[in-house]
Structure formats: structure tokens, C-alpha cells
Amino acid sequence: MAAPYVIIALSFGIATGVIGRAKGSSFLIWLVVGSVLPVLGLIAVILYEPDDEPERRCPRCGKVHKLYVQVCNRCGADLYFPESSDQPQAGQG
């Protein structure tokens, strides 16, 4: 009795997880959402817009951090705001 629902729920969960991962989010979180709420989860992940927050690399170890992070959590280096010449200008790439 419950086997067809489980197969359908897992199918929607995997599809939702793959789409969520392609958009830069967590596969496992979207897998759970898509499995628990099959149709609504799929609609939600299609409408999901990832945040495009600026990032920067640590000059010492190369780990990518959000712009608001001040100290690298991998090597402990102080991260300074990039110079205005390093940031792309409006209308450029």
C-alpha cells in the first residue's frame, strides 16, 4: 500500500535535490523537502532564487568567504575589503 507513495516521494525528492544543488543550495535539504512535500517541494525549488552575495578569496590559503567575513576560518588571516579598483564597475563583467 505505501510502496507506491514511497517511490513517488523519493523520485520527487531526488528531482528536487538535483535542481536545488544546481542552484547552489544543499542537496540533502531539498531532498527532504521534496520527499515530504512532493509537488510543493518541486515548485518551491523551481521558484527558489539563490542569494548572490559577493565573495572573496583568502590571500593566504585561497578559501572563498562571503564579503562580510573578516577572518579566514581556515588559516586565521585577516581579510581586508578589496580595493575599489579590484571590484567590477557597473556595466562591466
PDB file of N, CA and C in Angstrom:
ATOM      1  N   MET A   1       0.813  -1.197   0.000  1.00  0.00           N
ATOM      2  CA  MET A   1       0.000   0.000   0.000  1.00  0.00           C
ATOM      3  C   MET A   1       0.861   1.268   0.000  1.00  0.00           C
ATOM      4  N   ALA A   2       1.832   1.324   0.865  1.00  0.00           N
ATOM      5  CA  ALA A   2       2.641   2.534   0.980  1.00  0.00           C
ATOM      6  C   ALA A   2       3.802   2.545   0.000  1.00  0.00           C
ATOM      7  N   ALA A   3       4.097   1.430  -0.640  1.00  0.00           N
ATOM      8  CA  ALA A   3       5.257   1.355  -1.537  1.00  0.00           C
ATOM      9  C   ALA A   3       5.164   2.324  -2.712  1.00  0.00           C
ATOM     10  N   PRO A   4       4.020   2.459  -3.384  1.00  0.00           N
ATOM     11  CA  PRO A   4       3.971   3.429  -4.489  1.00  0.00           C
ATOM     12  C   PRO A   4       4.200   4.868  -4.025  1.00  0.00           C
ATOM     13  N   TYR A   5       3.663   5.232  -2.859  1.00  0.00           N
ATOM     14  CA  TYR A   5       3.879   6.589  -2.353  1.00  0.00           C
ATOM     15  C   TYR A   5       5.352   6.829  -2.052  1.00  0.00           C
ATOM     16  N   VAL A   6       6.022   5.835  -1.468  1.00  0.00           N
ATOM     17  CA  VAL A   6       7.445   5.981  -1.144  1.00  0.00           C
ATOM     18  C   VAL A   6       8.263   6.173  -2.416  1.00  0.00           C
ATOM     19  N   ILE A   7       7.958   5.413  -3.456  1.00  0.00           N
ATOM     20  CA  ILE A   7       8.682   5.539  -4.721  1.00  0.00           C
ATOM     21  C   ILE A   7       8.442   6.920  -5.335  1.00  0.00           C
ATOM     22  N   ILE A   8       7.189   7.375  -5.320  1.00  0.00           N
ATOM     23  CA  ILE A   8       6.870   8.699  -5.858  1.00  0.00           C
ATOM     24  C   ILE A   8       7.545   9.799  -5.031  1.00  0.00           C
ATOM     25  N   ALA A   9       7.492   9.672  -3.708  1.00  0.00           N
ATOM     26  CA  ALA A   9       8.092  10.686  -2.838  1.00  0.00           C
ATOM     27  C   ALA A   9       9.604  10.749  -3.035  1.00  0.00           C
ATOM     28  N   LEU A  10      10.256   9.602  -3.136  1.00  0.00           N
ATOM     29  CA  LEU A  10      11.712   9.605  -3.358  1.00  0.00           C
ATOM     30  C   LEU A  10      12.069  10.150  -4.735  1.00  0.00           C
ATOM     31  N   SER A  11      11.252   9.862  -5.730  1.00  0.00           N
ATOM     32  CA  SER A  11      11.503  10.399  -7.070  1.00  0.00           C
ATOM     33  C   SER A  11      11.416  11.922  -7.070  1.00  0.00           C
ATOM     34  N   PHE A  12      10.364  12.462  -6.458  1.00  0.00           N
ATOM     35  CA  PHE A  12      10.244  13.912  -6.344  1.00  0.00           C
ATOM     36  C   PHE A  12      11.376  14.484  -5.493  1.00  0.00           C
ATOM     37  N   GLY A  13      11.752  13.773  -4.436  1.00  0.00           N
ATOM     38  CA  GLY A  13      12.832  14.243  -3.570  1.00  0.00           C
ATOM     39  C   GLY A  13      14.152  14.326  -4.297  1.00  0.00           C
ATOM     40  N   ILE A  14      14.470  13.312  -5.084  1.00  0.00           N
ATOM     41  CA  ILE A  14      15.730  13.319  -5.839  1.00  0.00           C
ATOM     42  C   ILE A  14      15.710  14.421  -6.894  1.00  0.00           C
ATOM     43  N   ALA A  15      14.599  14.577  -7.605  1.00  0.00           N
ATOM     44  CA  ALA A  15      14.495  15.637  -8.606  1.00  0.00           C
ATOM     45  C   ALA A  15      14.642  17.011  -7.957  1.00  0.00           C
ATOM     46  N   THR A  16      13.993  17.206  -6.822  1.00  0.00           N
ATOM     47  CA  THR A  16      14.074  18.471  -6.109  1.00  0.00           C
ATOM     48  C   THR A  16      15.494  18.718  -5.615  1.00  0.00           C
ATOM     49  N   GLY A  17      16.142  17.677  -5.098  1.00  0.00           N
ATOM     50  CA  GLY A  17      17.518  17.815  -4.627  1.00  0.00           C
ATOM     51  C   GLY A  17      18.495  18.159  -5.732  1.00  0.00           C
ATOM     52  N   VAL A  18      18.323  17.557  -6.893  1.00  0.00           N
ATOM     53  CA  VAL A  18      19.217  17.837  -8.025  1.00  0.00           C
ATOM     54  C   VAL A  18      19.050  19.280  -8.495  1.00  0.00           C
ATOM     55  N   ILE A  19      17.810  19.737  -8.592  1.00  0.00           N
ATOM     56  CA  ILE A  19      17.570  21.123  -9.011  1.00  0.00           C
ATOM     57  C   ILE A  19      18.124  22.096  -7.969  1.00  0.00           C
ATOM     58  N   GLY A  20      17.903  21.793  -6.690  1.00  0.00           N
ATOM     59  CA  GLY A  20      18.423  22.651  -5.627  1.00  0.00           C
ATOM     60  C   GLY A  20      19.935  22.719  -5.630  1.00  0.00           C
ATOM     61  N   ARG A  21      20.588  21.583  -5.864  1.00  0.00           N
ATOM     62  CA  ARG A  21      22.052  21.560  -5.926  1.00  0.00           C
ATOM     63  C   ARG A  21      22.560  22.337  -7.137  1.00  0.00           C
ATOM     64  N   ALA A  22      21.862  22.260  -8.254  1.00  0.00           N
ATOM     65  CA  ALA A  22      22.252  23.009  -9.445  1.00  0.00           C
ATOM     66  C   ALA A  22      22.143  24.515  -9.214  1.00  0.00           C
ATOM     67  N   LYS A  23      21.259  24.916  -8.311  1.00  0.00           N
ATOM     68  CA  LYS A  23      21.109  26.333  -7.990  1.00  0.00           C
ATOM     69  C   LYS A  23      22.045  26.759  -6.863  1.00  0.00           C
ATOM     70  N   GLY A  24      22.909  25.863  -6.405  1.00  0.00           N
ATOM     71  CA  GLY A  24      23.904  26.209  -5.405  1.00  0.00           C
ATOM     72  C   GLY A  24      23.481  26.010  -3.975  1.00  0.00           C
ATOM     73  N   SER A  25      22.432  25.257  -3.740  1.00  0.00           N
ATOM     74  CA  SER A  25      21.945  25.022  -2.391  1.00  0.00           C
ATOM     75  C   SER A  25      22.263  23.587  -1.970  1.00  0.00           C
ATOM     76  N   SER A  26      21.794  23.188  -0.802  1.00  0.00           N
ATOM     77  CA  SER A  26      22.075  21.867  -0.264  1.00  0.00           C
ATOM     78  C   SER A  26      21.183  20.799  -0.899  1.00  0.00           C
ATOM     79  N   PHE A  27      21.819  19.751  -1.406  1.00  0.00           N
ATOM     80  CA  PHE A  27      21.073  18.636  -1.988  1.00  0.00           C
ATOM     81  C   PHE A  27      20.213  17.953  -0.933  1.00  0.00           C
ATOM     82  N   LEU A  28      20.780  17.703   0.253  1.00  0.00           N
ATOM     83  CA  LEU A  28      20.056  16.955   1.290  1.00  0.00           C
ATOM     84  C   LEU A  28      18.829  17.705   1.808  1.00  0.00           C
ATOM     85  N   ILE A  29      18.955  19.008   1.972  1.00  0.00           N
ATOM     86  CA  ILE A  29      17.802  19.778   2.452  1.00  0.00           C
ATOM     87  C   ILE A  29      16.669  19.727   1.437  1.00  0.00           C
ATOM     88  N   TRP A  30      17.009  19.922   0.156  1.00  0.00           N
ATOM     89  CA  TRP A  30      15.972  19.878  -0.874  1.00  0.00           C
ATOM     90  C   TRP A  30      15.443  18.465  -1.079  1.00  0.00           C
ATOM     91  N   LEU A  31      16.272  17.449  -0.842  1.00  0.00           N
ATOM     92  CA  LEU A  31      15.804  16.059  -0.917  1.00  0.00           C
ATOM     93  C   LEU A  31      14.710  15.813   0.120  1.00  0.00           C
ATOM     94  N   VAL A  32      14.936  16.286   1.329  1.00  0.00           N
ATOM     95  CA  VAL A  32      13.940  16.117   2.399  1.00  0.00           C
ATOM     96  C   VAL A  32      12.667  16.901   2.072  1.00  0.00           C
ATOM     97  N   VAL A  33      12.832  18.154   1.639  1.00  0.00           N
ATOM     98  CA  VAL A  33      11.658  18.968   1.310  1.00  0.00           C
ATOM     99  C   VAL A  33      10.860  18.322   0.183  1.00  0.00           C
ATOM    100  N   GLY A  34      11.560  17.864  -0.860  1.00  0.00           N
ATOM    101  CA  GLY A  34      10.879  17.246  -1.989  1.00  0.00           C
ATOM    102  C   GLY A  34      10.245  15.919  -1.659  1.00  0.00           C
ATOM    103  N   SER A  35      10.799  15.191  -0.689  1.00  0.00           N
ATOM    104  CA  SER A  35      10.220  13.904  -0.298  1.00  0.00           C
ATOM    105  C   SER A  35       9.004  14.074   0.599  1.00  0.00           C
ATOM    106  N   VAL A  36       9.054  15.053   1.488  1.00  0.00           N
ATOM    107  CA  VAL A  36       7.949  15.267   2.413  1.00  0.00           C
ATOM    108  C   VAL A  36       6.771  15.959   1.707  1.00  0.00           C
ATOM    109  N   LEU A  37       7.085  16.928   0.862  1.00  0.00           N
ATOM    110  CA  LEU A  37       6.061  17.670   0.124  1.00  0.00           C
ATOM    111  C   LEU A  37       6.350  17.540  -1.373  1.00  0.00           C
ATOM    112  N   PRO A  38       5.999  16.401  -1.977  1.00  0.00           N
ATOM    113  CA  PRO A  38       6.458  16.135  -3.342  1.00  0.00           C
ATOM    114  C   PRO A  38       6.187  17.239  -4.362  1.00  0.00           C
ATOM    115  N   VAL A  39       4.966  17.623  -4.584  1.00  0.00           N
ATOM    116  CA  VAL A  39       4.673  18.608  -5.620  1.00  0.00           C
ATOM    117  C   VAL A  39       5.062  20.009  -5.155  1.00  0.00           C
ATOM    118  N   LEU A  40       4.736  20.360  -3.914  1.00  0.00           N
ATOM    119  CA  LEU A  40       5.058  21.684  -3.402  1.00  0.00           C
ATOM    120  C   LEU A  40       6.564  21.904  -3.299  1.00  0.00           C
ATOM    121  N   GLY A  41       7.313  20.866  -2.949  1.00  0.00           N
ATOM    122  CA  GLY A  41       8.762  20.981  -2.878  1.00  0.00           C
ATOM    123  C   GLY A  41       9.373  21.251  -4.238  1.00  0.00           C
ATOM    124  N   LEU A  42       8.869  20.583  -5.254  1.00  0.00           N
ATOM    125  CA  LEU A  42       9.368  20.794  -6.614  1.00  0.00           C
ATOM    126  C   LEU A  42       9.051  22.207  -7.093  1.00  0.00           C
ATOM    127  N   ILE A  43       7.863  22.689  -6.800  1.00  0.00           N
ATOM    128  CA  ILE A  43       7.505  24.064  -7.163  1.00  0.00           C
ATOM    129  C   ILE A  43       8.388  25.053  -6.411  1.00  0.00           C
ATOM    130  N   ALA A  44       8.625  24.786  -5.132  1.00  0.00           N
ATOM    131  CA  ALA A  44       9.442  25.691  -4.323  1.00  0.00           C
ATOM    132  C   ALA A  44      10.870  25.781  -4.843  1.00  0.00           C
ATOM    133  N   VAL A  45      11.466  24.656  -5.217  1.00  0.00           N
ATOM    134  CA  VAL A  45      12.851  24.696  -5.688  1.00  0.00           C
ATOM    135  C   VAL A  45      12.951  25.356  -7.056  1.00  0.00           C
ATOM    136  N   ILE A  46      11.914  25.246  -7.869  1.00  0.00           N
ATOM    137  CA  ILE A  46      11.921  25.920  -9.162  1.00  0.00           C
ATOM    138  C   ILE A  46      11.841  27.429  -8.967  1.00  0.00           C
ATOM    139  N   LEU A  47      11.059  27.878  -7.992  1.00  0.00           N
ATOM    140  CA  LEU A  47      10.916  29.307  -7.722  1.00  0.00           C
ATOM    141  C   LEU A  47      12.033  29.867  -6.847  1.00  0.00           C
ATOM    142  N   TYR A  48      12.872  29.015  -6.267  1.00  0.00           N
ATOM    143  CA  TYR A  48      13.937  29.433  -5.362  1.00  0.00           C
ATOM    144  C   TYR A  48      14.989  30.250  -6.108  1.00  0.00           C
ATOM    145  N   GLU A  49      15.330  31.413  -5.554  1.00  0.00           N
ATOM    146  CA  GLU A  49      16.378  32.265  -6.107  1.00  0.00           C
ATOM    147  C   GLU A  49      17.529  32.305  -5.107  1.00  0.00           C
ATOM    148  N   PRO A  50      18.694  31.786  -5.483  1.00  0.00           N
ATOM    149  CA  PRO A  50      19.825  31.816  -4.555  1.00  0.00           C
ATOM    150  C   PRO A  50      20.326  33.241  -4.334  1.00  0.00           C
ATOM    151  N   ASP A  51      20.873  33.488  -3.148  1.00  0.00           N
ATOM    152  CA  ASP A  51      21.410  34.809  -2.873  1.00  0.00           C
ATOM    153  C   ASP A  51      22.742  34.972  -3.598  1.00  0.00           C
ATOM    154  N   ASP A  52      22.906  36.101  -4.241  1.00  0.00           N
ATOM    155  CA  ASP A  52      24.134  36.383  -4.967  1.00  0.00           C
ATOM    156  C   ASP A  52      24.978  37.361  -4.170  1.00  0.00           C
ATOM    157  N   GLU A  53      25.369  36.930  -2.980  1.00  0.00           N
ATOM    158  CA  GLU A  53      26.168  37.774  -2.119  1.00  0.00           C
ATOM    159  C   GLU A  53      27.618  37.749  -2.583  1.00  0.00           C
ATOM    160  N   PRO A  54      28.288  38.904  -2.593  1.00  0.00           N
ATOM    161  CA  PRO A  54      29.667  38.930  -3.074  1.00  0.00           C
ATOM    162  C   PRO A  54      30.596  38.101  -2.196  1.00  0.00           C
ATOM    163  N   GLU A  55      31.601  37.536  -2.830  1.00  0.00           N
ATOM    164  CA  GLU A  55      32.571  36.698  -2.123  1.00  0.00           C
ATOM    165  C   GLU A  55      33.979  37.173  -2.442  1.00  0.00           C
ATOM    166  N   ARG A  56      34.935  36.710  -1.637  1.00  0.00           N
ATOM    167  CA  ARG A  56      36.352  36.999  -1.884  1.00  0.00           C
ATOM    168  C   ARG A  56      37.190  35.829  -1.421  1.00  0.00           C
ATOM    169  N   ARG A  57      38.397  35.736  -1.935  1.00  0.00           N
ATOM    170  CA  ARG A  57      39.314  34.652  -1.581  1.00  0.00           C
ATOM    171  C   ARG A  57      40.288  35.125  -0.520  1.00  0.00           C
ATOM    172  N   CYS A  58      40.651  34.207   0.344  1.00  0.00           N
ATOM    173  CA  CYS A  58      41.694  34.483   1.326  1.00  0.00           C
ATOM    174  C   CYS A  58      43.029  34.567   0.574  1.00  0.00           C
ATOM    175  N   PRO A  59      43.801  35.623   0.807  1.00  0.00           N
ATOM    176  CA  PRO A  59      45.074  35.735   0.089  1.00  0.00           C
ATOM    177  C   PRO A  59      46.103  34.687   0.517  1.00  0.00           C
ATOM    178  N   ARG A  60      45.948  34.122   1.703  1.00  0.00           N
ATOM    179  CA  ARG A  60      46.932  33.158   2.189  1.00  0.00           C
ATOM    180  C   ARG A  60      46.612  31.720   1.760  1.00  0.00           C
ATOM    181  N   CYS A  61      45.376  31.272   1.994  1.00  0.00           N
ATOM    182  CA  CYS A  61      45.051  29.866   1.713  1.00  0.00           C
ATOM    183  C   CYS A  61      44.132  29.679   0.509  1.00  0.00           C
ATOM    184  N   GLY A  62      43.466  30.740   0.049  1.00  0.00           N
ATOM    185  CA  GLY A  62      42.628  30.654  -1.134  1.00  0.00           C
ATOM    186  C   GLY A  62      41.193  30.236  -0.892  1.00  0.00           C
ATOM    187  N   LYS A  63      40.779  30.058   0.357  1.00  0.00           N
ATOM    188  CA  LYS A  63      39.400  29.670   0.640  1.00  0.00           C
ATOM    189  C   LYS A  63      38.460  30.833   0.333  1.00  0.00           C
ATOM    190  N   VAL A  64      37.297  30.524  -0.246  1.00  0.00           N
ATOM    191  CA  VAL A  64      36.316  31.546  -0.607  1.00  0.00           C
ATOM    192  C   VAL A  64      35.414  31.823   0.589  1.00  0.00           C
ATOM    193  N   HIS A  65      35.253  33.120   0.899  1.00  0.00           N
ATOM    194  CA  HIS A  65      34.412  33.565   2.014  1.00  0.00           C
ATOM    195  C   HIS A  65      33.432  34.610   1.513  1.00  0.00           C
ATOM    196  N   LYS A  66      32.332  34.773   2.238  1.00  0.00           N
ATOM    197  CA  LYS A  66      31.414  35.872   1.976  1.00  0.00           C
ATOM    198  C   LYS A  66      32.141  37.177   2.284  1.00  0.00           C
ATOM    199  N   LEU A  67      31.690  38.265   1.695  1.00  0.00           N
ATOM    200  CA  LEU A  67      32.379  39.540   1.823  1.00  0.00           C
ATOM    201  C   LEU A  67      32.398  40.050   3.261  1.00  0.00           C
ATOM    202  N   TYR A  68      31.375  39.703   4.058  1.00  0.00           N
ATOM    203  CA  TYR A  68      31.296  40.205   5.429  1.00  0.00           C
ATOM    204  C   TYR A  68      32.226  39.478   6.404  1.00  0.00           C
ATOM    205  N   VAL A  69      32.832  38.350   6.009  1.00  0.00           N
ATOM    206  CA  VAL A  69      33.735  37.612   6.890  1.00  0.00           C
ATOM    207  C   VAL A  69      35.038  38.397   7.015  1.00  0.00           C
ATOM    208  N   GLN A  70      35.518  38.594   8.259  1.00  0.00           N
ATOM    209  CA  GLN A  70      36.701  39.411   8.487  1.00  0.00           C
ATOM    210  C   GLN A  70      37.955  38.596   8.737  1.00  0.00           C
ATOM    211  N   VAL A  71      37.798  37.343   9.215  1.00  0.00           N
ATOM    212  CA  VAL A  71      38.947  36.491   9.499  1.00  0.00           C
ATOM    213  C   VAL A  71      38.711  35.133   8.848  1.00  0.00           C
ATOM    214  N   CYS A  72      39.704  34.631   8.128  1.00  0.00           N
ATOM    215  CA  CYS A  72      39.582  33.330   7.477  1.00  0.00           C
ATOM    216  C   CYS A  72      39.475  32.251   8.543  1.00  0.00           C
ATOM    217  N   ASN A  73      38.447  31.402   8.425  1.00  0.00           N
ATOM    218  CA  ASN A  73      38.275  30.361   9.436  1.00  0.00           C
ATOM    219  C   ASN A  73      39.148  29.147   9.154  1.00  0.00           C
ATOM    220  N   ARG A  74      39.877  29.122   8.049  1.00  0.00           N
ATOM    221  CA  ARG A  74      40.795  28.029   7.772  1.00  0.00           C
ATOM    222  C   ARG A  74      42.206  28.341   8.294  1.00  0.00           C
ATOM    223  N   CYS A  75      42.729  29.538   7.950  1.00  0.00           N
ATOM    224  CA  CYS A  75      44.117  29.836   8.317  1.00  0.00           C
ATOM    225  C   CYS A  75      44.257  30.982   9.311  1.00  0.00           C
ATOM    226  N   GLY A  76      43.171  31.726   9.578  1.00  0.00           N
ATOM    227  CA  GLY A  76      43.213  32.798  10.560  1.00  0.00           C
ATOM    228  C   GLY A  76      43.715  34.130  10.031  1.00  0.00           C
ATOM    229  N   ALA A  77      43.887  34.260   8.732  1.00  0.00           N
ATOM    230  CA  ALA A  77      44.376  35.509   8.158  1.00  0.00           C
ATOM    231  C   ALA A  77      43.299  36.584   8.221  1.00  0.00           C
ATOM    232  N   ASP A  78      43.727  37.830   8.427  1.00  0.00           N
ATOM    233  CA  ASP A  78      42.796  38.953   8.379  1.00  0.00           C
ATOM    234  C   ASP A  78      42.417  39.205   6.932  1.00  0.00           C
ATOM    235  N   LEU A  79      41.121  39.356   6.694  1.00  0.00           N
ATOM    236  CA  LEU A  79      40.630  39.618   5.349  1.00  0.00           C
ATOM    237  C   LEU A  79      40.222  41.073   5.266  1.00  0.00           C
ATOM    238  N   TYR A  80      40.830  41.795   4.356  1.00  0.00           N
ATOM    239  CA  TYR A  80      40.537  43.201   4.172  1.00  0.00           C
ATOM    240  C   TYR A  80      39.609  43.364   2.986  1.00  0.00           C
ATOM    241  N   PHE A  81      38.844  44.444   2.987  1.00  0.00           N
ATOM    242  CA  PHE A  81      37.948  44.709   1.868  1.00  0.00           C
ATOM    243  C   PHE A  81      38.784  44.975   0.630  1.00  0.00           C
ATOM    244  N   PRO A  82      38.356  44.463  -0.502  1.00  0.00           N
ATOM    245  CA  PRO A  82      39.125  44.696  -1.726  1.00  0.00           C
ATOM    246  C   PRO A  82      39.111  46.175  -2.106  1.00  0.00           C
ATOM    247  N   GLU A  83      40.179  46.590  -2.771  1.00  0.00           N
ATOM    248  CA  GLU A  83      40.248  47.968  -3.245  1.00  0.00           C
ATOM    249  C   GLU A  83      39.153  48.195  -4.276  1.00  0.00           C
ATOM    250  N   SER A  84      38.744  49.425  -4.437  1.00  0.00           N
ATOM    251  CA  SER A  84      37.668  49.722  -5.384  1.00  0.00           C
ATOM    252  C   SER A  84      38.072  49.380  -6.811  1.00  0.00           C
ATOM    253  N   SER A  85      39.366  49.372  -7.136  1.00  0.00           N
ATOM    254  CA  SER A  85      39.821  49.024  -8.476  1.00  0.00           C
ATOM    255  C   SER A  85      39.700  47.523  -8.726  1.00  0.00           C
ATOM    256  N   ASP A  86      39.639  46.695  -7.670  1.00  0.00           N
ATOM    257  CA  ASP A  86      39.507  45.243  -7.808  1.00  0.00           C
ATOM    258  C   ASP A  86      38.085  44.820  -8.111  1.00  0.00           C
ATOM    259  N   GLN A  87      37.105  45.653  -7.733  1.00  0.00           N
ATOM    260  CA  GLN A  87      35.710  45.308  -7.915  1.00  0.00           C
ATOM    261  C   GLN A  87      35.271  45.699  -9.326  1.00  0.00           C
ATOM    262  N   PRO A  88      34.440  44.853  -9.959  1.00  0.00           N
ATOM    263  CA  PRO A  88      33.961  45.217 -11.294  1.00  0.00           C
ATOM    264  C   PRO A  88      33.086  46.449 -11.250  1.00  0.00           C
ATOM    265  N   GLN A  89      33.233  47.295 -12.240  1.00  0.00           N
ATOM    266  CA  GLN A  89      32.439  48.512 -12.335  1.00  0.00           C
ATOM    267  C   GLN A  89      31.047  48.172 -12.847  1.00  0.00           C
ATOM    268  N   ALA A  90      30.104  49.067 -12.633  1.00  0.00           N
ATOM    269  CA  ALA A  90      28.745  48.851 -13.127  1.00  0.00           C
ATOM    270  C   ALA A  90      28.768  48.776 -14.646  1.00  0.00           C
ATOM    271  N   GLY A  91      28.131  47.742 -15.200  1.00  0.00           N
ATOM    272  CA  GLY A  91      28.082  47.558 -16.632  1.00  0.00           C
ATOM    273  C   GLY A  91      29.224  46.732 -17.181  1.00  0.00           C
ATOM    274  N   GLN A  92      30.189  46.395 -16.346  1.00  0.00           N
ATOM    275  CA  GLN A  92      31.304  45.561 -16.787  1.00  0.00           C
ATOM    276  C   GLN A  92      31.214  44.218 -16.097  1.00  0.00           C
ATOM    277  N   GLY A  93      31.505  43.134 -16.830  1.00  0.00           N
ATOM    278  CA  GLY A  93      31.529  41.748 -16.419  1.00  0.00           C
ATOM    279  C   GLY A  93      31.210  41.465 -15.068  1.00  0.00           C
TER     280      GLY A  93
END
